[in-house]
Structures are given as C-alpha cells and as structure tokens.
Protein backbone atom coordinates (compact mmCIF):
# COMPACT_ATOMS: atom_id res chain seq x y z
CA UNK A 1 0.16 -0.12 0.10
CA UNK A 2 3.09 2.48 0.68
CA UNK A 3 4.11 2.30 -2.93
CA UNK A 4 0.46 3.13 -4.28
CA UNK A 5 0.46 5.79 -1.58
CA UNK A 6 3.90 6.95 -3.54
CA UNK A 7 2.49 6.45 -6.81
CA UNK A 8 -0.42 8.24 -6.08
CA UNK A 9 1.74 11.38 -4.61
CA UNK A 10 3.37 11.37 -7.86
CA UNK A 11 0.23 11.52 -10.02
CA UNK A 12 -1.28 14.41 -7.80
CA UNK A 13 2.09 16.01 -8.71
CA UNK A 14 2.02 15.33 -12.38
CA UNK A 15 -1.23 17.12 -12.33
CA UNK A 16 0.19 20.02 -10.48
CA UNK A 17 2.84 20.31 -13.07
CA UNK A 18 -0.13 20.17 -15.88
CA UNK A 19 -1.80 23.04 -14.30
CA UNK A 20 0.96 25.21 -14.11
CA UNK A 21 1.46 25.40 -17.99
CA UNK A 22 -2.83 25.16 -18.11
CA UNK A 23 -3.95 28.29 -15.83
CA UNK A 24 -1.80 31.01 -17.48
CA UNK A 25 -3.26 30.06 -20.86
CA UNK A 26 -6.91 29.89 -19.44
CA UNK A 27 -6.38 33.34 -18.11
CA UNK A 28 -4.95 34.80 -21.13
CA UNK A 29 -6.53 33.14 -23.60
CA UNK A 30 -5.09 31.14 -26.83
CA UNK A 31 -5.81 29.74 -30.44
CA UNK A 32 -7.44 26.76 -31.24
CA UNK A 33 -6.84 24.14 -33.52
CA UNK A 34 -9.02 21.13 -35.23
CA UNK A 35 -7.48 17.53 -34.92
CA UNK A 36 -8.24 14.93 -37.18
CA UNK A 37 -11.40 13.57 -35.56
CA UNK A 38 -12.59 17.41 -35.66
CA UNK A 39 -12.30 17.88 -31.81
CA UNK A 40 -10.48 21.02 -30.83
CA UNK A 41 -6.67 20.92 -28.92
CA UNK A 42 -4.94 24.23 -27.97
CA UNK A 43 -1.17 24.52 -27.56
CA UNK A 44 -2.41 24.44 -23.35
CA UNK A 45 -3.34 20.51 -23.86
CA UNK A 46 -0.21 19.98 -26.18
CA UNK A 47 2.38 21.86 -23.52
CA UNK A 48 0.93 20.21 -20.47
CA UNK A 49 0.94 16.65 -21.48
CA UNK A 50 4.69 17.17 -22.50
CA UNK A 51 5.52 18.45 -19.16
CA UNK A 52 3.80 15.57 -17.45
CA UNK A 53 5.54 13.48 -19.56
CA UNK A 54 8.86 14.89 -18.92
CA UNK A 55 8.03 14.89 -15.01
CA UNK A 56 6.76 11.24 -14.85
CA UNK A 57 10.10 9.73 -17.13
CA UNK A 58 11.92 11.43 -14.41
CA UNK A 59 9.95 9.81 -11.48
CA UNK A 60 9.07 6.90 -12.68
CA UNK A 61 11.61 6.21 -16.10
CA UNK A 62 10.46 2.45 -16.33
CA UNK A 63 7.00 2.84 -17.03
CA UNK A 64 5.11 3.73 -19.99
CA UNK A 65 2.96 6.41 -21.04
CA UNK A 66 -0.09 6.72 -23.32
CA UNK A 67 -1.68 10.65 -23.43
CA UNK A 68 -4.21 11.89 -25.77
CA UNK A 69 -1.97 14.18 -27.69
CA UNK A 70 1.02 12.12 -28.42
CA UNK A 71 2.08 8.69 -29.41
CA UNK A 72 2.73 6.01 -26.78
CA UNK A 73 6.09 5.61 -25.08
CA UNK A 74 6.15 1.93 -23.99
CA UNK A 75 7.72 0.85 -20.37
CA UNK A 76 7.96 -2.46 -18.14
CA UNK A 77 4.96 -3.90 -19.52
CA UNK A 78 3.48 -3.71 -15.98
CA UNK A 79 2.93 0.12 -15.45
CA UNK A 80 1.61 2.65 -17.80
CA UNK A 81 0.47 6.11 -17.07
CA UNK A 82 -2.71 7.29 -19.15
CA UNK A 83 -3.07 11.25 -19.52
CA UNK A 84 -5.73 13.58 -20.57
CA UNK A 85 -4.15 17.27 -20.12
CA UNK A 86 -7.25 19.21 -20.59
CA UNK A 87 -10.48 16.88 -19.79
CA UNK A 88 -13.12 19.65 -21.09
CA UNK A 89 -11.05 20.96 -23.52
CA UNK A 90 -14.33 22.58 -24.84
CA UNK A 91 -15.33 23.98 -21.62
CA UNK A 92 -11.48 25.24 -21.47
CA UNK A 93 -11.67 27.21 -24.82
CA UNK A 94 -15.45 28.84 -23.66
CA UNK A 95 -13.83 30.12 -20.65
CA UNK A 96 -16.41 27.59 -18.46
CA UNK A 97 -14.07 26.20 -15.32
CA UNK A 98 -15.49 22.53 -15.34
CA UNK A 99 -12.38 21.01 -17.34
CA UNK A 100 -9.46 19.28 -15.67
CA UNK A 101 -6.66 17.55 -15.74
CA UNK A 102 -6.71 13.49 -15.72
CA UNK A 103 -4.10 11.34 -14.53
CA UNK A 104 -3.89 7.64 -14.26
CA UNK A 105 -1.63 4.92 -13.25
CA UNK A 106 -2.27 1.02 -14.76
CA UNK A 107 -0.98 -1.96 -13.36
CA UNK A 108 -1.23 -5.21 -15.21
CA UNK A 109 -4.10 -3.54 -17.22
CA UNK A 110 -5.98 -2.33 -14.47
CA UNK A 111 -5.94 1.74 -13.13
CA UNK A 112 -5.17 1.52 -9.70
CA UNK A 113 -4.47 5.43 -9.48
CA UNK A 114 -6.16 8.45 -10.11
CA UNK A 115 -6.50 11.94 -10.27
CA UNK A 116 -9.04 14.30 -11.67
CA UNK A 117 -7.65 18.10 -11.35
CA UNK A 118 -9.99 20.79 -11.86
CA UNK A 119 -7.51 23.47 -11.51
CA UNK A 120 -9.90 26.48 -12.45
CA UNK A 121 -12.49 25.66 -9.21
CA UNK A 122 -8.88 24.46 -7.14
CA UNK A 123 -10.62 21.01 -6.69
CA UNK A 124 -8.43 17.60 -6.80
CA UNK A 125 -10.39 14.35 -6.49
CA UNK A 126 -7.61 11.39 -6.33
CA UNK A 127 -7.56 7.83 -5.32
CA UNK A 128 -5.57 4.78 -4.95
CA UNK A 129 -6.67 1.05 -4.71
CA UNK A 130 -7.05 0.48 -1.16
CA UNK A 131 -6.03 3.81 -0.19
CA UNK A 132 -9.36 5.77 -0.15
CA UNK A 133 -10.70 8.71 -2.17
CA UNK A 134 -9.89 12.07 -1.35
CA UNK A 135 -10.78 15.46 -2.44
CA UNK A 136 -7.90 18.24 -1.54
CA UNK A 137 -6.39 15.55 0.58
CA UNK A 138 -9.45 15.02 2.66
CA UNK A 139 -11.28 11.52 2.60
CA UNK A 140 -14.30 11.66 0.54
CA UNK A 141 -17.33 9.20 0.01
CA UNK A 142 -20.35 8.92 -2.55
CA UNK A 143 -23.85 10.10 -1.29
CA UNK A 144 -26.47 7.50 0.52
CA UNK A 145 -29.35 8.54 -1.76
CA UNK A 146 -30.98 5.21 -2.84
CA UNK A 147 -34.15 6.55 -4.55
CA UNK A 148 -33.98 7.94 -7.99
CA UNK A 149 -36.68 10.26 -7.32
CA UNK A 150 -34.18 12.17 -5.25
CA UNK A 151 -31.32 11.56 -7.44
CA UNK A 152 -29.05 14.19 -9.73
CA UNK A 153 -27.84 12.86 -12.95
CA UNK A 154 -25.59 14.94 -14.79
CA UNK A 155 -23.89 14.20 -18.54
CA UNK A 156 -21.36 15.86 -20.46
CA UNK A 157 -23.07 16.24 -23.99
CA UNK A 158 -26.45 16.43 -24.37
CA UNK A 159 -26.20 15.89 -28.18
CA UNK A 160 -24.06 12.87 -27.59
CA UNK A 161 -26.39 11.56 -25.69
CA UNK A 162 -29.61 11.51 -28.14
CA UNK A 163 -27.24 10.19 -30.69
CA UNK A 164 -28.88 6.07 -30.18
CA UNK A 165 -29.10 6.96 -26.17
CA UNK A 166 -32.32 9.00 -26.28
CA UNK A 167 -34.89 6.30 -25.41
CA UNK A 168 -32.74 5.04 -22.21
CA UNK A 169 -31.60 8.65 -21.23
CA UNK A 170 -35.87 9.64 -21.30
CA UNK A 171 -36.44 6.74 -19.17
CA UNK A 172 -33.64 7.56 -16.50
CA UNK A 173 -33.58 11.28 -16.59
CA UNK A 174 -38.07 11.55 -16.00
CA UNK A 175 -37.34 9.29 -12.65
CA UNK A 176 -34.65 11.47 -11.25
CA UNK A 177 -35.35 14.26 -9.54
CA UNK A 178 -32.99 16.79 -11.33
CA UNK A 179 -31.11 16.34 -14.59
CA UNK A 180 -28.04 18.89 -15.39
CA UNK A 181 -25.21 18.74 -17.83
CA UNK A 182 -22.14 19.77 -15.56
CA UNK A 183 -20.04 17.54 -17.85
CA UNK A 184 -16.59 16.18 -18.30
CA UNK A 185 -14.54 15.16 -15.47
CA UNK A 186 -16.40 17.75 -13.15
CA UNK A 187 -19.42 15.43 -12.76
CA UNK A 188 -17.24 12.79 -11.77
CA UNK A 189 -15.67 14.39 -9.23
CA UNK A 190 -19.59 15.66 -7.96
CA UNK A 191 -20.29 11.70 -7.65
CA UNK A 192 -17.24 11.36 -5.70
CA UNK A 193 -17.80 13.59 -3.54
CA UNK A 194 -21.64 13.13 -2.91
CA UNK A 195 -22.71 16.30 -4.88
CA UNK A 196 -24.23 14.55 -7.60
CA UNK A 197 -25.58 10.75 -7.70
CA UNK A 198 -25.26 9.65 -11.37
CA UNK A 199 -22.31 10.53 -14.21
CA UNK A 200 -23.19 9.28 -17.62
CA UNK A 201 -20.66 9.41 -20.79
CA UNK A 202 -22.09 7.24 -23.81
CA UNK A 203 -18.60 7.52 -25.63
CA UNK A 204 -15.50 7.18 -23.57
CA UNK A 205 -11.64 7.10 -24.48
CA UNK A 206 -9.04 5.04 -22.12
CA UNK A 207 -7.91 8.59 -21.39
CA UNK A 208 -11.15 9.73 -20.70
CA UNK A 209 -11.71 6.86 -18.37
CA UNK A 210 -8.89 5.22 -16.41
CA UNK A 211 -8.49 8.10 -14.04
CA UNK A 212 -12.27 8.13 -13.13
CA UNK A 213 -12.40 4.40 -12.35
CA UNK A 214 -10.24 4.26 -8.67
CA UNK A 215 -11.69 7.37 -7.57
CA UNK A 216 -15.31 6.36 -8.15
CA UNK A 217 -14.66 2.89 -6.79
CA UNK A 218 -12.49 3.65 -3.77
CA UNK A 219 -15.37 6.59 -2.71
CA UNK A 220 -17.75 3.23 -2.40
CA UNK A 221 -19.37 4.24 -5.72
CA UNK A 222 -20.16 2.32 -8.83
CA UNK A 223 -18.72 2.38 -12.14
CA UNK A 224 -19.12 0.36 -15.83
CA UNK A 225 -19.67 0.48 -19.14
CA UNK A 226 -23.16 1.31 -20.32
CA UNK A 227 -23.78 -2.49 -21.02
CA UNK A 228 -22.82 -3.32 -17.62
CA UNK A 229 -19.45 -4.28 -17.71
CA UNK A 230 -17.70 -3.47 -14.35
CA UNK A 231 -14.51 -1.70 -15.20
CA UNK A 232 -13.11 0.81 -17.75
CA UNK A 233 -14.56 0.04 -21.52
CA UNK A 234 -15.73 2.80 -24.13
CA UNK A 235 -18.61 4.55 -22.23
CA UNK A 236 -19.28 5.19 -18.56
CA UNK A 237 -21.54 4.81 -15.53
CA UNK A 238 -21.10 6.24 -12.72
CA UNK A 239 -23.16 6.24 -9.83
CA UNK A 240 -22.95 6.28 -5.84
CA UNK A 241 -23.53 2.41 -5.69
CA UNK A 242 -26.99 2.23 -4.23
CA UNK A 243 -28.64 3.33 -7.86
CA UNK A 244 -26.31 1.69 -10.42
CA UNK A 245 -28.32 -1.41 -11.09
CA UNK A 246 -31.27 0.76 -11.37
CA UNK A 247 -29.76 3.10 -13.63
CA UNK A 248 -28.60 0.58 -15.64
CA UNK A 249 -32.01 -0.98 -16.18
CA UNK A 250 -33.55 2.37 -17.06
CA UNK A 251 -30.73 3.06 -19.48
CA UNK A 252 -31.01 -0.50 -21.14
CA UNK A 253 -34.34 -1.00 -21.16
C-alpha cells in the first residue's frame, strides 16, 4: 500500500505540473486547432501533456506513458501512465471552469491510481486502490441517496446522449429528481464527493475514463460501461453504487 501511496503522490504532482502550464493560458486565452477527428486542441493541451511526460519520465523511468495528444511511450509492460491534459477542452475554450487534468496509472491493465484536477475551481479528487478517495487531501465518499426520485444525474454532452441513447436517457432522466449537464471530469468529481449521484458518458476513450475508475470505486461508488461491464471500457456509467443496477436497467430498457 505504501508504494501506491507514493505513486498517488506522484500522480497528484503530475497534475500540478499540468496546471502550471494550463492556467496562465486559460486566463490569457489561446488559439484553437481542430484535430483529424474534428475535436478541438490548444497549445495548453499539448504543452501540459509534454510537461507531465517529462515529469513522469524522471520520476518513473521504467513506466510507459499513453496520452491523448502524443504517441505512446512503451515501458516495463506492467505500469502505464494514462494522461488527458485537459479533459473538457471545449469548456476550457469557452472559459467555463469545469475542465480538468486526468492522470491515471495502470498496473497489469487495471487503473490503480487516479487524479481529477479541476484547476480553475481549485479542487482535486484522487484515489489509489485500497488507499481511499480524497478531495483536496481529505477523505471523500459518494452520497447515500437510494431513490432515483431524489437523485441528481449529470452528463457531458446532451447531443451525444441523444445519438442512439435517447430512449434510455429519457427513461432515466424522467425518474430522477434533477437532471443537469455539469459535464466532463467535473461531473465525476461531483459523484465521488456526494454532490451528484449519477454521471453518464456514452462514448469514452481510455484517457477519458481510466483516472475516473479508482476515484469512483474507492469513494464507494459504482462504475461500469453502459452494458454493465464493471471496469473501464468505451462508455461510462458512474453512480453512488446504491443506484447502479437501477440506472443500468433504465438506460438499457
């Protein structure tokens, strides 16, 4: 456990390194490019990932690194850092403070360390397997809401939710007490801290999801794909755990 505690500290420090690059550009503004998949990217995304890669290569030279913006660096085959320098680039571009840096460490293919660093709001959620989940260094837990009628549900993109997921979303949202789109990684921070009860994303890449898994599960929550596979996949349903099976049933009819 002490090794994972040390690795969690390294992950938190890597997120700080990213924030030191990102926040001056957030405050000053920066130009935007479109990647091949038509999603936006800024110099803040690129430079923050490069800074984290340099830091992690010094701290953990045998570990591999996979990031959103640059090719994978191979490692020892057991340990791989997974980086999303700015999760929520569209929020960043629009000067909405709900973006963040995601840092995860995989061991033997399973994420065992995760950090969500929401620099603009001054909040960092983090966790390591068996160590617990934390908000700004203090232990945190999911909510105890066990009734969908009292639950708060959030999502990242309403448009993406409606593409092939409209019926499931309508079934679920109509049963929840409050439906909002406080999206990207901040929505998962809210579930881990008990502010929201359900967070949904129908399409996720590995760098979007890997850091979320240890944080949600160590906070006592449920984490699966939309088809109910427990763990990290191509979509995410994150809940306080108590509502998880009911949420999946509603989504999938």
